Amino acid sequence: MLAKQYEITLPADYDLDVIRRRIKAGAPILDDRPGLGFKAWLLRERGADGSPVNQYAPFYVWRSDGAAAEFLVGGGGFANIVRDFGRPAVQHWTVLAHFSGPARRTDPVPGTAVRRLTAVPTDPDPLALTAHVDREVEQLRELARRPGVHTAVLALEPTRWELLRFTLWSAAPEEQPRQPQQAADGSTAVFRVPHLSAPELSALPEGRAW
């Protein structure tokens, strides 16, 4: 499984209803896309939930590497982003764990998504990485049991050695963003979820990926 996200930062006076209309028009294209676990169509609004910017930042979890590749370079949809906004950098992570929450059977729209990024601690002991990831998986498992959690994902980017925790909430999130001066161990961002495309969400493996 692969997690991907790109962020399109928009002007401070940008009318986000333009993006909301774009999402409404484009969502049906991915609502039944083979190989896609889910796409959370995400928005940040300047001044809301601690966001300093207006931003369109969709987040994907792909079951199939081939389907993800087709989307990016095979004419499978990303070309529309490039046409309208230029070609953004696409972040990608290897999914380590996925958990469904108590709200999985409910519609998480409108809902909230919380993304936490943290650096993997440097340690000369090769077993320390395994132990750190084990702790993160167990913390995610506990978080996913809370009321209001729809979906929770843990993933790794091994170039920067960065862990991503993505939590989709159908209600107000219990996770709170930290101020930059308090976030030496990472950063947290809150997004609104105007739409969720989830064609193969139910087929994602539950728990640790191995």
C-alpha atoms as a PDB file:
ATOM      1  CA  MET A   1       0.000   0.000   0.000  1.00  0.00           C
ATOM      2  CA  LEU A   2       1.155   3.500  -0.830  1.00  0.00           C
ATOM      3  CA  ALA A   3       0.057   6.783   0.734  1.00  0.00           C
ATOM      4  CA  LYS A   4       0.387   9.926  -1.366  1.00  0.00           C
ATOM      5  CA  GLN A   5      -0.364  13.598  -0.867  1.00  0.00           C
ATOM      6  CA  TYR A   6       0.270  16.815  -2.753  1.00  0.00           C
ATOM      7  CA  GLU A   7      -0.354  20.307  -1.420  1.00  0.00           C
ATOM      8  CA  ILE A   8      -1.539  23.211  -3.546  1.00  0.00           C
ATOM      9  CA  THR A   9      -1.235  26.416  -1.539  1.00  0.00           C
ATOM     10  CA  LEU A  10      -3.609  29.119  -2.742  1.00  0.00           C
ATOM     11  CA  PRO A  11      -3.659  32.926  -2.355  1.00  0.00           C
ATOM     12  CA  ALA A  12      -4.938  34.314   0.943  1.00  0.00           C
ATOM     13  CA  ASP A  13      -7.989  35.856  -0.791  1.00  0.00           C
ATOM     14  CA  TYR A  14      -8.742  32.762  -2.894  1.00  0.00           C
ATOM     15  CA  ASP A  15     -12.409  31.731  -3.049  1.00  0.00           C
ATOM     16  CA  LEU A  16     -12.363  28.153  -1.747  1.00  0.00           C
ATOM     17  CA  ASP A  17     -15.826  27.564  -3.188  1.00  0.00           C
ATOM     18  CA  VAL A  18     -13.993  27.206  -6.506  1.00  0.00           C
ATOM     19  CA  ILE A  19     -12.194  24.167  -5.072  1.00  0.00           C
ATOM     20  CA  ARG A  20     -15.362  22.830  -3.498  1.00  0.00           C
ATOM     21  CA  ARG A  21     -17.061  22.933  -6.908  1.00  0.00           C
ATOM     22  CA  ARG A  22     -14.010  21.239  -8.419  1.00  0.00           C
ATOM     23  CA  ILE A  23     -14.272  18.457  -5.831  1.00  0.00           C
ATOM     24  CA  LYS A  24     -17.987  17.997  -6.455  1.00  0.00           C
ATOM     25  CA  ALA A  25     -17.384  17.683 -10.184  1.00  0.00           C
ATOM     26  CA  GLY A  26     -14.308  15.461  -9.965  1.00  0.00           C
ATOM     27  CA  ALA A  27     -15.173  13.118  -7.106  1.00  0.00           C
ATOM     28  CA  PRO A  28     -17.317  10.682  -9.133  1.00  0.00           C
ATOM     29  CA  ILE A  29     -14.279   9.906 -11.301  1.00  0.00           C
ATOM     30  CA  LEU A  30     -12.476   8.359  -8.327  1.00  0.00           C
ATOM     31  CA  ASP A  31     -15.451   6.993  -6.402  1.00  0.00           C
ATOM     32  CA  ASP A  32     -15.066   3.691  -8.280  1.00  0.00           C
ATOM     33  CA  ARG A  33     -11.369   3.795  -9.290  1.00  0.00           C
ATOM     34  CA  PRO A  34      -9.836   0.269  -9.236  1.00  0.00           C
ATOM     35  CA  GLY A  35      -6.766  -0.038  -7.024  1.00  0.00           C
ATOM     36  CA  LEU A  36      -7.624   2.994  -4.883  1.00  0.00           C
ATOM     37  CA  GLY A  37      -8.251   2.302  -1.211  1.00  0.00           C
ATOM     38  CA  PHE A  38      -9.443   5.828  -0.579  1.00  0.00           C
ATOM     39  CA  LYS A  39      -8.918   9.458  -1.455  1.00  0.00           C
ATOM     40  CA  ALA A  40      -9.746  12.081   1.156  1.00  0.00           C
ATOM     41  CA  TRP A  41     -10.383  15.346  -0.688  1.00  0.00           C
ATOM     42  CA  LEU A  42      -8.854  17.770   1.810  1.00  0.00           C
ATOM     43  CA  LEU A  43      -9.012  21.538   2.324  1.00  0.00           C
ATOM     44  CA  ARG A  44      -7.339  23.927   4.730  1.00  0.00           C
ATOM     45  CA  GLU A  45      -8.788  27.399   5.177  1.00  0.00           C
ATOM     46  CA  ARG A  46      -6.622  30.277   6.313  1.00  0.00           C
ATOM     47  CA  GLY A  47      -7.467  31.181   9.912  1.00  0.00           C
ATOM     48  CA  ALA A  48      -9.456  27.982  10.590  1.00  0.00           C
ATOM     49  CA  ASP A  49      -8.135  25.104  12.708  1.00  0.00           C
ATOM     50  CA  GLY A  50      -4.820  26.900  13.103  1.00  0.00           C
ATOM     51  CA  SER A  51      -4.083  26.948   9.367  1.00  0.00           C
ATOM     52  CA  PRO A  52      -1.880  29.804   8.111  1.00  0.00           C
ATOM     53  CA  VAL A  53      -2.847  29.139   4.473  1.00  0.00           C
ATOM     54  CA  ASN A  54      -5.588  28.258   2.053  1.00  0.00           C
ATOM     55  CA  GLN A  55      -4.676  24.864   0.657  1.00  0.00           C
ATOM     56  CA  TYR A  56      -6.027  21.998  -1.415  1.00  0.00           C
ATOM     57  CA  ALA A  57      -4.201  18.856  -0.271  1.00  0.00           C
ATOM     58  CA  PRO A  58      -5.829  15.531  -1.224  1.00  0.00           C
ATOM     59  CA  PHE A  59      -4.553  12.392   0.514  1.00  0.00           C
ATOM     60  CA  TYR A  60      -4.598   8.935  -1.111  1.00  0.00           C
ATOM     61  CA  VAL A  61      -4.006   5.373  -0.008  1.00  0.00           C
ATOM     62  CA  TRP A  62      -3.518   3.083  -3.011  1.00  0.00           C
ATOM     63  CA  ARG A  63      -3.803  -0.701  -2.845  1.00  0.00           C
ATOM     64  CA  SER A  64      -2.097  -1.090  -6.207  1.00  0.00           C
ATOM     65  CA  ASP A  65       1.254   0.415  -7.225  1.00  0.00           C
ATOM     66  CA  GLY A  66       0.175   0.170 -10.851  1.00  0.00           C
ATOM     67  CA  ALA A  67      -3.025   2.097 -10.236  1.00  0.00           C
ATOM     68  CA  ALA A  68      -1.053   4.806  -8.420  1.00  0.00           C
ATOM     69  CA  ALA A  69       1.420   5.004 -11.314  1.00  0.00           C
ATOM     70  CA  GLU A  70      -1.362   5.242 -13.889  1.00  0.00           C
ATOM     71  CA  PHE A  71      -2.957   8.077 -11.927  1.00  0.00           C
ATOM     72  CA  LEU A  72       0.294  10.059 -11.824  1.00  0.00           C
ATOM     73  CA  VAL A  73       1.778   9.551 -15.290  1.00  0.00           C
ATOM     74  CA  GLY A  74      -0.582   7.373 -17.304  1.00  0.00           C
ATOM     75  CA  GLY A  75      -3.345   9.872 -17.930  1.00  0.00           C
ATOM     76  CA  GLY A  76      -5.363   8.592 -14.983  1.00  0.00           C
ATOM     77  CA  GLY A  77      -6.336  11.941 -13.469  1.00  0.00           C
ATOM     78  CA  PHE A  78      -3.282  13.813 -12.190  1.00  0.00           C
ATOM     79  CA  ALA A  79      -2.965  15.524 -15.554  1.00  0.00           C
ATOM     80  CA  ASN A  80      -5.949  17.672 -14.585  1.00  0.00           C
ATOM     81  CA  ILE A  81      -4.031  19.026 -11.584  1.00  0.00           C
ATOM     82  CA  VAL A  82      -0.973  19.746 -13.723  1.00  0.00           C
ATOM     83  CA  ARG A  83      -3.134  21.512 -16.308  1.00  0.00           C
ATOM     84  CA  ASP A  84      -4.821  23.798 -13.771  1.00  0.00           C
ATOM     85  CA  PHE A  85      -2.164  24.379 -11.102  1.00  0.00           C
ATOM     86  CA  GLY A  86       1.170  23.242 -12.496  1.00  0.00           C
ATOM     87  CA  ARG A  87       2.962  20.101 -11.370  1.00  0.00           C
ATOM     88  CA  PRO A  88       3.214  19.919  -7.568  1.00  0.00           C
ATOM     89  CA  ALA A  89       5.627  17.740  -5.620  1.00  0.00           C
ATOM     90  CA  VAL A  90       3.907  14.503  -4.627  1.00  0.00           C
ATOM     91  CA  GLN A  91       4.880  13.173  -1.224  1.00  0.00           C
ATOM     92  CA  HIS A  92       4.670   9.412  -0.813  1.00  0.00           C
ATOM     93  CA  TRP A  93       4.963   6.979   2.064  1.00  0.00           C
ATOM     94  CA  THR A  94       4.915   3.199   2.475  1.00  0.00           C
ATOM     95  CA  VAL A  95       1.900   2.225   4.572  1.00  0.00           C
ATOM     96  CA  LEU A  96       2.885   0.368   7.753  1.00  0.00           C
ATOM     97  CA  ALA A  97      -0.543  -0.054   9.360  1.00  0.00           C
ATOM     98  CA  HIS A  98      -4.216   0.668   8.758  1.00  0.00           C
ATOM     99  CA  PHE A  99      -7.080   0.511  11.254  1.00  0.00           C
ATOM    100  CA  SER A 100     -10.803   1.039  10.873  1.00  0.00           C
ATOM    101  CA  GLY A 101     -12.492   2.958  13.676  1.00  0.00           C
ATOM    102  CA  PRO A 102     -15.915   2.816  15.343  1.00  0.00           C
ATOM    103  CA  ALA A 103     -17.241   5.400  12.845  1.00  0.00           C
ATOM    104  CA  ARG A 104     -16.262   3.366   9.771  1.00  0.00           C
ATOM    105  CA  ARG A 105     -19.915   2.633   8.985  1.00  0.00           C
ATOM    106  CA  THR A 106     -20.853   6.318   9.080  1.00  0.00           C
ATOM    107  CA  ASP A 107     -20.309   8.929   6.386  1.00  0.00           C
ATOM    108  CA  PRO A 108     -17.277  11.025   7.431  1.00  0.00           C
ATOM    109  CA  VAL A 109     -18.387  13.961   5.275  1.00  0.00           C
ATOM    110  CA  PRO A 110     -18.305  16.662   6.383  1.00  0.00           C
ATOM    111  CA  GLY A 111     -15.543  15.518   8.668  1.00  0.00           C
ATOM    112  CA  THR A 112     -12.014  16.306   9.722  1.00  0.00           C
ATOM    113  CA  ALA A 113      -8.623  14.766   8.987  1.00  0.00           C
ATOM    114  CA  VAL A 114      -5.529  15.165  11.135  1.00  0.00           C
ATOM    115  CA  ARG A 115      -2.042  14.609   9.701  1.00  0.00           C
ATOM    116  CA  ARG A 116       0.919  14.247  12.038  1.00  0.00           C
ATOM    117  CA  LEU A 117       4.475  14.123  10.680  1.00  0.00           C
ATOM    118  CA  THR A 118       7.350  13.112  12.942  1.00  0.00           C
ATOM    119  CA  ALA A 119      11.006  12.262  12.405  1.00  0.00           C
ATOM    120  CA  VAL A 120      12.137   8.751  13.280  1.00  0.00           C
ATOM    121  CA  PRO A 121      14.663   9.117  16.136  1.00  0.00           C
ATOM    122  CA  THR A 122      18.286   8.510  15.253  1.00  0.00           C
ATOM    123  CA  ASP A 123      19.699   5.564  17.168  1.00  0.00           C
ATOM    124  CA  PRO A 124      22.765   3.406  16.456  1.00  0.00           C
ATOM    125  CA  ASP A 125      20.915   0.287  17.608  1.00  0.00           C
ATOM    126  CA  PRO A 126      19.295  -1.253  14.483  1.00  0.00           C
ATOM    127  CA  LEU A 127      16.529  -2.725  16.650  1.00  0.00           C
ATOM    128  CA  ALA A 128      15.504   0.737  17.850  1.00  0.00           C
ATOM    129  CA  LEU A 129      13.681   1.474  14.587  1.00  0.00           C
ATOM    130  CA  THR A 130      11.557  -1.677  14.971  1.00  0.00           C
ATOM    131  CA  ALA A 131      10.763  -0.814  18.571  1.00  0.00           C
ATOM    132  CA  HIS A 132       9.813   2.753  17.657  1.00  0.00           C
ATOM    133  CA  VAL A 133       7.492   1.630  14.875  1.00  0.00           C
ATOM    134  CA  ASP A 134       5.947  -1.012  17.169  1.00  0.00           C
ATOM    135  CA  ARG A 135       5.077   1.724  19.657  1.00  0.00           C
ATOM    136  CA  GLU A 136       3.626   3.933  16.933  1.00  0.00           C
ATOM    137  CA  VAL A 137       1.473   1.075  15.616  1.00  0.00           C
ATOM    138  CA  GLU A 138       0.115   0.361  19.092  1.00  0.00           C
ATOM    139  CA  GLN A 139      -0.599   4.053  19.702  1.00  0.00           C
ATOM    140  CA  LEU A 140      -2.463   4.193  16.397  1.00  0.00           C
ATOM    141  CA  ARG A 141      -4.422   1.063  17.313  1.00  0.00           C
ATOM    142  CA  GLU A 142      -5.530   2.730  20.563  1.00  0.00           C
ATOM    143  CA  LEU A 143      -6.369   5.991  18.796  1.00  0.00           C
ATOM    144  CA  ALA A 144      -8.469   4.119  16.228  1.00  0.00           C
ATOM    145  CA  ARG A 145     -10.696   2.756  19.005  1.00  0.00           C
ATOM    146  CA  ARG A 146     -11.920   6.213  20.004  1.00  0.00           C
ATOM    147  CA  PRO A 147     -15.477   7.235  19.115  1.00  0.00           C
ATOM    148  CA  GLY A 148     -15.554   9.342  15.971  1.00  0.00           C
ATOM    149  CA  VAL A 149     -12.545   7.740  14.291  1.00  0.00           C
ATOM    150  CA  HIS A 150     -13.333   6.528  10.798  1.00  0.00           C
ATOM    151  CA  THR A 151      -9.900   5.476   9.489  1.00  0.00           C
ATOM    152  CA  ALA A 152      -6.322   5.634  10.794  1.00  0.00           C
ATOM    153  CA  VAL A 153      -3.098   5.071   8.832  1.00  0.00           C
ATOM    154  CA  LEU A 154       0.585   4.943   9.751  1.00  0.00           C
ATOM    155  CA  ALA A 155       3.169   5.261   6.966  1.00  0.00           C
ATOM    156  CA  LEU A 156       6.910   5.765   6.498  1.00  0.00           C
ATOM    157  CA  GLU A 157       8.969   7.940   4.132  1.00  0.00           C
ATOM    158  CA  PRO A 158      12.458   6.360   4.290  1.00  0.00           C
ATOM    159  CA  THR A 159      14.369   9.118   2.471  1.00  0.00           C
ATOM    160  CA  ARG A 160      13.750  11.670   5.230  1.00  0.00           C
ATOM    161  CA  TRP A 161      12.958   8.892   7.766  1.00  0.00           C
ATOM    162  CA  GLU A 162       9.628  10.469   8.552  1.00  0.00           C
ATOM    163  CA  LEU A 163       6.506   8.851   9.965  1.00  0.00           C
ATOM    164  CA  LEU A 164       3.046   9.969   8.922  1.00  0.00           C
ATOM    165  CA  ARG A 165      -0.042   9.387  11.036  1.00  0.00           C
ATOM    166  CA  PHE A 166      -3.281  10.175   9.232  1.00  0.00           C
ATOM    167  CA  THR A 167      -6.592  10.030  11.104  1.00  0.00           C
ATOM    168  CA  LEU A 168      -9.982  10.594   9.517  1.00  0.00           C
ATOM    169  CA  TRP A 169     -12.666  11.700  11.993  1.00  0.00           C
ATOM    170  CA  SER A 170     -16.412  11.811  11.427  1.00  0.00           C
ATOM    171  CA  ALA A 171     -16.690  14.172  14.413  1.00  0.00           C
ATOM    172  CA  ALA A 172     -14.476  16.831  15.983  1.00  0.00           C
ATOM    173  CA  PRO A 173     -10.998  15.357  16.374  1.00  0.00           C
ATOM    174  CA  GLU A 174      -9.505  14.649  19.781  1.00  0.00           C
ATOM    175  CA  GLU A 175      -6.046  15.307  18.332  1.00  0.00           C
ATOM    176  CA  GLN A 176      -5.060  18.962  18.494  1.00  0.00           C
ATOM    177  CA  PRO A 177      -2.498  20.730  16.308  1.00  0.00           C
ATOM    178  CA  ARG A 178       0.603  21.961  18.111  1.00  0.00           C
ATOM    179  CA  GLN A 179       2.074  25.395  17.680  1.00  0.00           C
ATOM    180  CA  PRO A 180       5.303  25.483  15.617  1.00  0.00           C
ATOM    181  CA  GLN A 181       7.427  26.477  18.617  1.00  0.00           C
ATOM    182  CA  GLN A 182       6.067  23.460  20.518  1.00  0.00           C
ATOM    183  CA  ALA A 183       6.490  20.980  17.700  1.00  0.00           C
ATOM    184  CA  ALA A 184      10.178  20.139  17.787  1.00  0.00           C
ATOM    185  CA  ASP A 185       9.258  16.471  17.402  1.00  0.00           C
ATOM    186  CA  GLY A 186       7.041  17.005  14.375  1.00  0.00           C
ATOM    187  CA  SER A 187       4.077  18.911  13.005  1.00  0.00           C
ATOM    188  CA  THR A 188       0.310  18.469  12.978  1.00  0.00           C
ATOM    189  CA  ALA A 189      -2.179  19.861  10.470  1.00  0.00           C
ATOM    190  CA  VAL A 190      -5.987  19.739  10.456  1.00  0.00           C
ATOM    191  CA  PHE A 191      -7.973  19.489   7.234  1.00  0.00           C
ATOM    192  CA  ARG A 192     -11.660  19.628   6.353  1.00  0.00           C
ATOM    193  CA  VAL A 193     -13.035  16.727   4.288  1.00  0.00           C
ATOM    194  CA  PRO A 194     -15.599  17.834   1.674  1.00  0.00           C
ATOM    195  CA  HIS A 195     -15.656  14.354   0.109  1.00  0.00           C
ATOM    196  CA  LEU A 196     -14.275  10.846   0.585  1.00  0.00           C
ATOM    197  CA  SER A 197     -13.809   8.536  -2.397  1.00  0.00           C
ATOM    198  CA  ALA A 198     -13.425   5.036  -0.975  1.00  0.00           C
ATOM    199  CA  PRO A 199     -13.800   2.441  -3.757  1.00  0.00           C
ATOM    200  CA  GLU A 200     -11.612  -0.234  -2.094  1.00  0.00           C
ATOM    201  CA  LEU A 201     -11.412   0.989   1.499  1.00  0.00           C
ATOM    202  CA  SER A 202     -13.049  -2.183   2.807  1.00  0.00           C
ATOM    203  CA  ALA A 203     -10.361  -4.266   1.073  1.00  0.00           C
ATOM    204  CA  LEU A 204      -7.412  -2.575   2.828  1.00  0.00           C
ATOM    205  CA  PRO A 205      -5.686  -5.021   5.197  1.00  0.00           C
ATOM    206  CA  GLU A 206      -6.580  -4.382   8.830  1.00  0.00           C
ATOM    207  CA  GLY A 207      -3.754  -3.798  11.274  1.00  0.00           C
ATOM    208  CA  ARG A 208      -0.030  -4.010  10.592  1.00  0.00           C
ATOM    209  CA  ALA A 209       0.891  -4.353   6.925  1.00  0.00           C
ATOM    210  CA  TRP A 210       3.148  -7.400   7.502  1.00  0.00           C
END
